[in-house]
């Protein structure tokens, strides 16, 4: 029996796989966006947030982006865009690793997911881009800013102004994806990378991710406060203390 749940969530110890399940193109309608938002927000609140692998059902589409059939007017579109913006914020702030496993097309809002992931594994059939300008639409402002930050202003301009899609080779060159592999290996490789990142000391990983993602929006006083706050978190943690002890012991043996 087919599962008509738009978001399939599977937990395996400290790993969660989320599969967008809206065939044929896994388009991001209001329901799917809200499900993703609630799921990631709930996992973020855990004392030890799991690694997340985000993928799409089938081999042709990670996701075709926003469901244009739902763009019926400002009263419908406004709450949907607010939820989508909140979802990007949750991805950006998620303290554990978030890896995207991309088979086929990842366009529009789906490309924004890639830009907020910590790592992206794609197949050779992958196509990415921002086609919104050709469809009478706009990407989220937060997603456009992230495109500039991750890809550089010239690459972001090319994608956003022209609305053309680029293939996996180009996506790898500009930094929209982290690596390219076979379609059959995409999910396996994404889980492997996510598990590797989840194996790092969680507080240190969260602090580094927060610094990479959020410090560009902060003033010097806020940066100092963050540094001091992180210092207290990792210097008092047992796992980070163990890592320092192993490092000191290793150096002592070399001396």
C-alpha atoms as a PDB file:
ATOM      1  CA  UNK A   1       0.000   0.000   0.000  1.00  0.00           C
ATOM      2  CA  UNK A   2       1.337   3.423  -0.945  1.00  0.00           C
ATOM      3  CA  UNK A   3       2.007   5.884   1.874  1.00  0.00           C
ATOM      4  CA  UNK A   4       0.276   9.196   1.203  1.00  0.00           C
ATOM      5  CA  UNK A   5       2.039  11.002   4.065  1.00  0.00           C
ATOM      6  CA  UNK A   6       3.851  13.988   2.462  1.00  0.00           C
ATOM      7  CA  UNK A   7       6.818  13.591   4.810  1.00  0.00           C
ATOM      8  CA  UNK A   8       8.194  10.174   5.755  1.00  0.00           C
ATOM      9  CA  UNK A   9      10.369  10.231   8.877  1.00  0.00           C
ATOM     10  CA  UNK A  10      12.559   7.283   9.863  1.00  0.00           C
ATOM     11  CA  UNK A  11      14.652   7.236  13.052  1.00  0.00           C
ATOM     12  CA  UNK A  12      17.766   5.083  13.463  1.00  0.00           C
ATOM     13  CA  UNK A  13      19.442   5.838  16.796  1.00  0.00           C
ATOM     14  CA  UNK A  14      21.114   9.237  16.341  1.00  0.00           C
ATOM     15  CA  UNK A  15      20.088   9.593  12.693  1.00  0.00           C
ATOM     16  CA  UNK A  16      16.798  10.665  11.093  1.00  0.00           C
ATOM     17  CA  UNK A  17      15.944  10.357   7.394  1.00  0.00           C
ATOM     18  CA  UNK A  18      13.220  12.688   6.145  1.00  0.00           C
ATOM     19  CA  UNK A  19      11.752  11.909   2.717  1.00  0.00           C
ATOM     20  CA  UNK A  20       9.583  14.452   0.915  1.00  0.00           C
ATOM     21  CA  UNK A  21       6.821  12.292  -0.514  1.00  0.00           C
ATOM     22  CA  UNK A  22       4.605  14.209  -2.947  1.00  0.00           C
ATOM     23  CA  UNK A  23       4.900  12.397  -6.273  1.00  0.00           C
ATOM     24  CA  UNK A  24       5.660  12.973  -8.990  1.00  0.00           C
ATOM     25  CA  UNK A  25       7.791  16.063  -8.211  1.00  0.00           C
ATOM     26  CA  UNK A  26       7.727  16.410  -4.402  1.00  0.00           C
ATOM     27  CA  UNK A  27       6.466  19.982  -4.798  1.00  0.00           C
ATOM     28  CA  UNK A  28       6.545  22.076  -1.626  1.00  0.00           C
ATOM     29  CA  UNK A  29       2.940  22.804  -0.747  1.00  0.00           C
ATOM     30  CA  UNK A  30       1.808  24.400   2.497  1.00  0.00           C
ATOM     31  CA  UNK A  31       1.288  21.036   4.171  1.00  0.00           C
ATOM     32  CA  UNK A  32       4.757  19.706   3.371  1.00  0.00           C
ATOM     33  CA  UNK A  33       6.478  22.943   4.375  1.00  0.00           C
ATOM     34  CA  UNK A  34       4.627  22.922   7.699  1.00  0.00           C
ATOM     35  CA  UNK A  35       5.474  19.252   8.295  1.00  0.00           C
ATOM     36  CA  UNK A  36       9.171  19.921   7.649  1.00  0.00           C
ATOM     37  CA  UNK A  37       9.109  22.971   9.902  1.00  0.00           C
ATOM     38  CA  UNK A  38       7.457  21.114  12.779  1.00  0.00           C
ATOM     39  CA  UNK A  39       9.694  18.045  12.423  1.00  0.00           C
ATOM     40  CA  UNK A  40      12.981  19.949  12.388  1.00  0.00           C
ATOM     41  CA  UNK A  41      11.850  22.287  15.166  1.00  0.00           C
ATOM     42  CA  UNK A  42      10.908  19.296  17.337  1.00  0.00           C
ATOM     43  CA  UNK A  43      14.252  17.539  16.757  1.00  0.00           C
ATOM     44  CA  UNK A  44      16.143  20.760  17.436  1.00  0.00           C
ATOM     45  CA  UNK A  45      14.676  20.845  20.947  1.00  0.00           C
ATOM     46  CA  UNK A  46      16.172  17.451  21.857  1.00  0.00           C
ATOM     47  CA  UNK A  47      19.000  17.393  24.373  1.00  0.00           C
ATOM     48  CA  UNK A  48      21.105  15.601  21.750  1.00  0.00           C
ATOM     49  CA  UNK A  49      19.681  16.450  18.298  1.00  0.00           C
ATOM     50  CA  UNK A  50      20.131  13.679  15.733  1.00  0.00           C
ATOM     51  CA  UNK A  51      21.723  14.034  12.334  1.00  0.00           C
ATOM     52  CA  UNK A  52      19.170  14.671   9.577  1.00  0.00           C
ATOM     53  CA  UNK A  53      19.302  13.382   6.011  1.00  0.00           C
ATOM     54  CA  UNK A  54      16.741  15.138   3.813  1.00  0.00           C
ATOM     55  CA  UNK A  55      15.788  13.554   0.500  1.00  0.00           C
ATOM     56  CA  UNK A  56      12.930  13.202  -1.974  1.00  0.00           C
ATOM     57  CA  UNK A  57      10.967  10.137  -2.989  1.00  0.00           C
ATOM     58  CA  UNK A  58      11.912   8.688  -6.374  1.00  0.00           C
ATOM     59  CA  UNK A  59      14.918   9.287  -8.603  1.00  0.00           C
ATOM     60  CA  UNK A  60      13.729  12.160 -10.823  1.00  0.00           C
ATOM     61  CA  UNK A  61      13.022  14.872  -8.250  1.00  0.00           C
ATOM     62  CA  UNK A  62      14.526  15.882  -4.933  1.00  0.00           C
ATOM     63  CA  UNK A  63      11.860  18.575  -5.211  1.00  0.00           C
ATOM     64  CA  UNK A  64      10.530  20.849  -7.937  1.00  0.00           C
ATOM     65  CA  UNK A  65      10.237  23.661  -5.401  1.00  0.00           C
ATOM     66  CA  UNK A  66       7.120  25.568  -4.406  1.00  0.00           C
ATOM     67  CA  UNK A  67       3.765  24.238  -5.568  1.00  0.00           C
ATOM     68  CA  UNK A  68       2.669  26.973  -7.992  1.00  0.00           C
ATOM     69  CA  UNK A  69      -0.944  25.747  -7.805  1.00  0.00           C
ATOM     70  CA  UNK A  70      -1.097  27.201  -4.297  1.00  0.00           C
ATOM     71  CA  UNK A  71      -0.077  30.701  -5.362  1.00  0.00           C
ATOM     72  CA  UNK A  72      -3.686  31.885  -5.432  1.00  0.00           C
ATOM     73  CA  UNK A  73      -3.375  35.324  -3.867  1.00  0.00           C
ATOM     74  CA  UNK A  74      -1.745  37.232  -1.061  1.00  0.00           C
ATOM     75  CA  UNK A  75      -3.971  35.807   1.692  1.00  0.00           C
ATOM     76  CA  UNK A  76      -2.918  32.255   0.806  1.00  0.00           C
ATOM     77  CA  UNK A  77       0.687  33.021  -0.112  1.00  0.00           C
ATOM     78  CA  UNK A  78       1.586  35.167   2.907  1.00  0.00           C
ATOM     79  CA  UNK A  79       1.260  32.451   5.615  1.00  0.00           C
ATOM     80  CA  UNK A  80       2.933  29.909   3.334  1.00  0.00           C
ATOM     81  CA  UNK A  81       5.939  32.198   2.804  1.00  0.00           C
ATOM     82  CA  UNK A  82       6.137  32.899   6.535  1.00  0.00           C
ATOM     83  CA  UNK A  83       6.313  29.162   7.234  1.00  0.00           C
ATOM     84  CA  UNK A  84       8.904  28.701   4.491  1.00  0.00           C
ATOM     85  CA  UNK A  85      11.057  31.507   5.919  1.00  0.00           C
ATOM     86  CA  UNK A  86      10.736  29.928   9.380  1.00  0.00           C
ATOM     87  CA  UNK A  87      11.793  26.580   7.902  1.00  0.00           C
ATOM     88  CA  UNK A  88      14.964  28.097   6.425  1.00  0.00           C
ATOM     89  CA  UNK A  89      15.691  29.645   9.833  1.00  0.00           C
ATOM     90  CA  UNK A  90      15.289  26.247  11.517  1.00  0.00           C
ATOM     91  CA  UNK A  91      17.642  24.629   8.993  1.00  0.00           C
ATOM     92  CA  UNK A  92      20.190  27.380   9.498  1.00  0.00           C
ATOM     93  CA  UNK A  93      20.064  27.071  13.285  1.00  0.00           C
ATOM     94  CA  UNK A  94      19.676  23.298  13.576  1.00  0.00           C
ATOM     95  CA  UNK A  95      22.472  22.296  15.985  1.00  0.00           C
ATOM     96  CA  UNK A  96      23.154  18.888  14.448  1.00  0.00           C
ATOM     97  CA  UNK A  97      24.292  18.002  10.931  1.00  0.00           C
ATOM     98  CA  UNK A  98      21.784  18.342   8.090  1.00  0.00           C
ATOM     99  CA  UNK A  99      22.716  16.587   4.842  1.00  0.00           C
ATOM    100  CA  UNK A 100      20.720  16.618   1.596  1.00  0.00           C
ATOM    101  CA  UNK A 101      20.574  13.534  -0.647  1.00  0.00           C
ATOM    102  CA  UNK A 102      19.627  14.822  -4.104  1.00  0.00           C
ATOM    103  CA  UNK A 103      18.442  12.668  -6.988  1.00  0.00           C
ATOM    104  CA  UNK A 104      17.309  14.619 -10.018  1.00  0.00           C
ATOM    105  CA  UNK A 105      15.882  18.141  -9.892  1.00  0.00           C
ATOM    106  CA  UNK A 106      16.308  20.494  -6.922  1.00  0.00           C
ATOM    107  CA  UNK A 107      14.965  23.856  -8.004  1.00  0.00           C
ATOM    108  CA  UNK A 108      13.478  26.989  -6.488  1.00  0.00           C
ATOM    109  CA  UNK A 109      12.765  26.495  -2.810  1.00  0.00           C
ATOM    110  CA  UNK A 110      14.432  23.077  -2.940  1.00  0.00           C
ATOM    111  CA  UNK A 111      17.706  24.709  -3.993  1.00  0.00           C
ATOM    112  CA  UNK A 112      17.342  26.942  -0.935  1.00  0.00           C
ATOM    113  CA  UNK A 113      17.285  23.761   1.171  1.00  0.00           C
ATOM    114  CA  UNK A 114      20.598  22.734  -0.398  1.00  0.00           C
ATOM    115  CA  UNK A 115      22.120  26.115   0.397  1.00  0.00           C
ATOM    116  CA  UNK A 116      21.213  25.731   4.077  1.00  0.00           C
ATOM    117  CA  UNK A 117      22.460  22.136   4.350  1.00  0.00           C
ATOM    118  CA  UNK A 118      25.832  21.291   5.887  1.00  0.00           C
ATOM    119  CA  UNK A 119      26.621  18.894   3.039  1.00  0.00           C
ATOM    120  CA  UNK A 120      24.910  17.946  -0.227  1.00  0.00           C
ATOM    121  CA  UNK A 121      25.324  14.647  -2.074  1.00  0.00           C
ATOM    122  CA  UNK A 122      23.850  14.705  -5.598  1.00  0.00           C
ATOM    123  CA  UNK A 123      23.622  12.327  -8.531  1.00  0.00           C
ATOM    124  CA  UNK A 124      24.835  12.965 -12.075  1.00  0.00           C
ATOM    125  CA  UNK A 125      21.260  13.689 -13.210  1.00  0.00           C
ATOM    126  CA  UNK A 126      20.925  16.532 -10.703  1.00  0.00           C
ATOM    127  CA  UNK A 127      19.727  19.899 -12.032  1.00  0.00           C
ATOM    128  CA  UNK A 128      19.541  22.989  -9.836  1.00  0.00           C
ATOM    129  CA  UNK A 129      18.432  26.568 -10.306  1.00  0.00           C
ATOM    130  CA  UNK A 130      16.043  29.392  -9.499  1.00  0.00           C
ATOM    131  CA  UNK A 131      13.420  29.380 -12.301  1.00  0.00           C
ATOM    132  CA  UNK A 132      11.055  31.706 -10.397  1.00  0.00           C
ATOM    133  CA  UNK A 133      11.722  34.779 -12.541  1.00  0.00           C
ATOM    134  CA  UNK A 134      10.366  32.869 -15.551  1.00  0.00           C
ATOM    135  CA  UNK A 135       7.212  31.830 -13.693  1.00  0.00           C
ATOM    136  CA  UNK A 136       6.104  35.165 -12.267  1.00  0.00           C
ATOM    137  CA  UNK A 137       7.465  34.347  -8.804  1.00  0.00           C
ATOM    138  CA  UNK A 138      10.272  35.259  -6.402  1.00  0.00           C
ATOM    139  CA  UNK A 139      12.466  33.085  -4.175  1.00  0.00           C
ATOM    140  CA  UNK A 140      12.488  33.866  -0.457  1.00  0.00           C
ATOM    141  CA  UNK A 141      14.686  36.871   0.333  1.00  0.00           C
ATOM    142  CA  UNK A 142      16.528  34.766   2.919  1.00  0.00           C
ATOM    143  CA  UNK A 143      17.243  32.151   0.269  1.00  0.00           C
ATOM    144  CA  UNK A 144      18.540  34.752  -2.181  1.00  0.00           C
ATOM    145  CA  UNK A 145      20.867  36.169   0.456  1.00  0.00           C
ATOM    146  CA  UNK A 146      22.148  32.666   1.170  1.00  0.00           C
ATOM    147  CA  UNK A 147      22.741  32.108  -2.550  1.00  0.00           C
ATOM    148  CA  UNK A 148      25.047  35.143  -2.590  1.00  0.00           C
ATOM    149  CA  UNK A 149      26.781  33.955   0.579  1.00  0.00           C
ATOM    150  CA  UNK A 150      27.311  30.366  -0.585  1.00  0.00           C
ATOM    151  CA  UNK A 151      27.762  30.782  -4.344  1.00  0.00           C
ATOM    152  CA  UNK A 152      29.089  34.330  -4.697  1.00  0.00           C
ATOM    153  CA  UNK A 153      27.340  37.346  -6.171  1.00  0.00           C
ATOM    154  CA  UNK A 154      28.053  36.561  -9.841  1.00  0.00           C
ATOM    155  CA  UNK A 155      26.833  32.953  -9.696  1.00  0.00           C
ATOM    156  CA  UNK A 156      23.770  34.014  -7.689  1.00  0.00           C
ATOM    157  CA  UNK A 157      22.982  36.730 -10.220  1.00  0.00           C
ATOM    158  CA  UNK A 158      23.283  34.282 -13.114  1.00  0.00           C
ATOM    159  CA  UNK A 159      20.883  31.807 -11.500  1.00  0.00           C
ATOM    160  CA  UNK A 160      18.388  34.377 -10.224  1.00  0.00           C
ATOM    161  CA  UNK A 161      18.295  36.790 -13.174  1.00  0.00           C
ATOM    162  CA  UNK A 162      18.204  34.186 -15.950  1.00  0.00           C
ATOM    163  CA  UNK A 163      16.179  31.428 -14.311  1.00  0.00           C
ATOM    164  CA  UNK A 164      18.128  28.723 -16.154  1.00  0.00           C
ATOM    165  CA  UNK A 165      18.986  25.380 -14.564  1.00  0.00           C
ATOM    166  CA  UNK A 166      22.548  24.053 -14.300  1.00  0.00           C
ATOM    167  CA  UNK A 167      23.688  20.439 -14.296  1.00  0.00           C
ATOM    168  CA  UNK A 168      25.494  18.483 -11.586  1.00  0.00           C
ATOM    169  CA  UNK A 169      28.956  19.328 -12.921  1.00  0.00           C
ATOM    170  CA  UNK A 170      28.267  23.066 -12.793  1.00  0.00           C
ATOM    171  CA  UNK A 171      26.487  22.754  -9.441  1.00  0.00           C
ATOM    172  CA  UNK A 172      29.624  21.147  -8.013  1.00  0.00           C
ATOM    173  CA  UNK A 173      31.898  23.860  -9.449  1.00  0.00           C
ATOM    174  CA  UNK A 174      29.866  26.735  -8.002  1.00  0.00           C
ATOM    175  CA  UNK A 175      29.360  25.032  -4.624  1.00  0.00           C
ATOM    176  CA  UNK A 176      25.636  24.295  -4.791  1.00  0.00           C
ATOM    177  CA  UNK A 177      26.447  20.628  -4.056  1.00  0.00           C
ATOM    178  CA  UNK A 178      29.358  19.076  -2.160  1.00  0.00           C
ATOM    179  CA  UNK A 179      29.891  15.904  -4.183  1.00  0.00           C
ATOM    180  CA  UNK A 180      28.405  13.933  -7.063  1.00  0.00           C
ATOM    181  CA  UNK A 181      27.935  10.175  -7.152  1.00  0.00           C
ATOM    182  CA  UNK A 182      25.722   7.569  -8.794  1.00  0.00           C
ATOM    183  CA  UNK A 183      21.965   7.664  -8.291  1.00  0.00           C
ATOM    184  CA  UNK A 184      22.088   4.334  -6.450  1.00  0.00           C
ATOM    185  CA  UNK A 185      24.729   5.602  -4.016  1.00  0.00           C
ATOM    186  CA  UNK A 186      23.287   9.040  -3.180  1.00  0.00           C
ATOM    187  CA  UNK A 187      21.335   8.116  -0.059  1.00  0.00           C
ATOM    188  CA  UNK A 188      23.956   5.674   1.224  1.00  0.00           C
ATOM    189  CA  UNK A 189      26.673   8.295   0.854  1.00  0.00           C
ATOM    190  CA  UNK A 190      24.540  11.035   2.450  1.00  0.00           C
ATOM    191  CA  UNK A 191      23.845   8.836   5.478  1.00  0.00           C
ATOM    192  CA  UNK A 192      27.553   8.004   5.716  1.00  0.00           C
ATOM    193  CA  UNK A 193      28.538  11.684   5.707  1.00  0.00           C
ATOM    194  CA  UNK A 194      25.807  12.633   8.165  1.00  0.00           C
ATOM    195  CA  UNK A 195      26.813   9.843  10.537  1.00  0.00           C
ATOM    196  CA  UNK A 196      30.431  10.968  10.323  1.00  0.00           C
ATOM    197  CA  UNK A 197      29.467  14.543  11.209  1.00  0.00           C
ATOM    198  CA  UNK A 198      27.118  13.365  13.960  1.00  0.00           C
ATOM    199  CA  UNK A 199      30.078  11.481  15.467  1.00  0.00           C
ATOM    200  CA  UNK A 200      31.863  14.745  16.200  1.00  0.00           C
ATOM    201  CA  UNK A 201      31.538  16.261  19.682  1.00  0.00           C
ATOM    202  CA  UNK A 202      27.989  17.669  19.528  1.00  0.00           C
ATOM    203  CA  UNK A 203      28.561  20.912  21.423  1.00  0.00           C
ATOM    204  CA  UNK A 204      31.630  21.763  19.382  1.00  0.00           C
ATOM    205  CA  UNK A 205      29.849  20.934  16.129  1.00  0.00           C
ATOM    206  CA  UNK A 206      26.860  23.089  17.123  1.00  0.00           C
ATOM    207  CA  UNK A 207      29.105  25.993  18.118  1.00  0.00           C
ATOM    208  CA  UNK A 208      31.088  25.854  14.859  1.00  0.00           C
ATOM    209  CA  UNK A 209      27.902  25.614  12.777  1.00  0.00           C
ATOM    210  CA  UNK A 210      26.325  28.515  14.614  1.00  0.00           C
ATOM    211  CA  UNK A 211      29.434  30.626  14.052  1.00  0.00           C
ATOM    212  CA  UNK A 212      29.590  29.751  10.348  1.00  0.00           C
ATOM    213  CA  UNK A 213      25.901  30.427   9.760  1.00  0.00           C
ATOM    214  CA  UNK A 214      25.004  33.316  12.024  1.00  0.00           C
ATOM    215  CA  UNK A 215      28.021  35.469  12.804  1.00  0.00           C
ATOM    216  CA  UNK A 216      27.815  37.394   9.536  1.00  0.00           C
ATOM    217  CA  UNK A 217      24.646  38.994  10.909  1.00  0.00           C
ATOM    218  CA  UNK A 218      26.132  40.003  14.287  1.00  0.00           C
ATOM    219  CA  UNK A 219      28.114  42.927  15.661  1.00  0.00           C
ATOM    220  CA  UNK A 220      31.400  42.577  17.562  1.00  0.00           C
ATOM    221  CA  UNK A 221      29.788  42.689  21.007  1.00  0.00           C
ATOM    222  CA  UNK A 222      27.429  39.857  20.061  1.00  0.00           C
ATOM    223  CA  UNK A 223      30.345  37.838  18.653  1.00  0.00           C
ATOM    224  CA  UNK A 224      32.251  38.211  21.927  1.00  0.00           C
ATOM    225  CA  UNK A 225      29.193  37.147  23.933  1.00  0.00           C
ATOM    226  CA  UNK A 226      28.754  34.087  21.709  1.00  0.00           C
ATOM    227  CA  UNK A 227      32.403  33.123  22.077  1.00  0.00           C
ATOM    228  CA  UNK A 228      32.220  33.323  25.884  1.00  0.00           C
ATOM    229  CA  UNK A 229      28.945  31.385  25.963  1.00  0.00           C
ATOM    230  CA  UNK A 230      30.378  28.632  23.759  1.00  0.00           C
ATOM    231  CA  UNK A 231      33.529  28.520  25.883  1.00  0.00           C
ATOM    232  CA  UNK A 232      31.502  27.658  28.971  1.00  0.00           C
ATOM    233  CA  UNK A 233      29.496  25.039  27.094  1.00  0.00           C
ATOM    234  CA  UNK A 234      32.407  23.046  25.706  1.00  0.00           C
ATOM    235  CA  UNK A 235      34.917  23.468  28.551  1.00  0.00           C
ATOM    236  CA  UNK A 236      32.431  21.984  31.011  1.00  0.00           C
ATOM    237  CA  UNK A 237      31.330  19.128  28.734  1.00  0.00           C
ATOM    238  CA  UNK A 238      32.653  15.626  29.396  1.00  0.00           C
ATOM    239  CA  UNK A 239      32.968  14.606  25.741  1.00  0.00           C
ATOM    240  CA  UNK A 240      34.963  17.668  24.719  1.00  0.00           C
ATOM    241  CA  UNK A 241      37.144  17.258  27.808  1.00  0.00           C
ATOM    242  CA  UNK A 242      37.830  13.667  26.719  1.00  0.00           C
ATOM    243  CA  UNK A 243      38.824  14.877  23.264  1.00  0.00           C
ATOM    244  CA  UNK A 244      41.295  17.368  24.740  1.00  0.00           C
ATOM    245  CA  UNK A 245      42.704  14.716  27.039  1.00  0.00           C
ATOM    246  CA  UNK A 246      43.284  12.362  24.095  1.00  0.00           C
ATOM    247  CA  UNK A 247      44.990  15.134  22.165  1.00  0.00           C
ATOM    248  CA  UNK A 248      47.267  16.043  25.108  1.00  0.00           C
ATOM    249  CA  UNK A 249      48.106  12.371  25.707  1.00  0.00           C
ATOM    250  CA  UNK A 250      48.982  11.899  22.050  1.00  0.00           C
ATOM    251  CA  UNK A 251      51.282  14.920  22.090  1.00  0.00           C
ATOM    252  CA  UNK A 252      52.910  13.771  25.346  1.00  0.00           C
ATOM    253  CA  UNK A 253      53.802  10.420  23.752  1.00  0.00           C
ATOM    254  CA  UNK A 254      55.433  12.241  20.835  1.00  0.00           C
ATOM    255  CA  UNK A 255      57.561  14.434  23.106  1.00  0.00           C
END
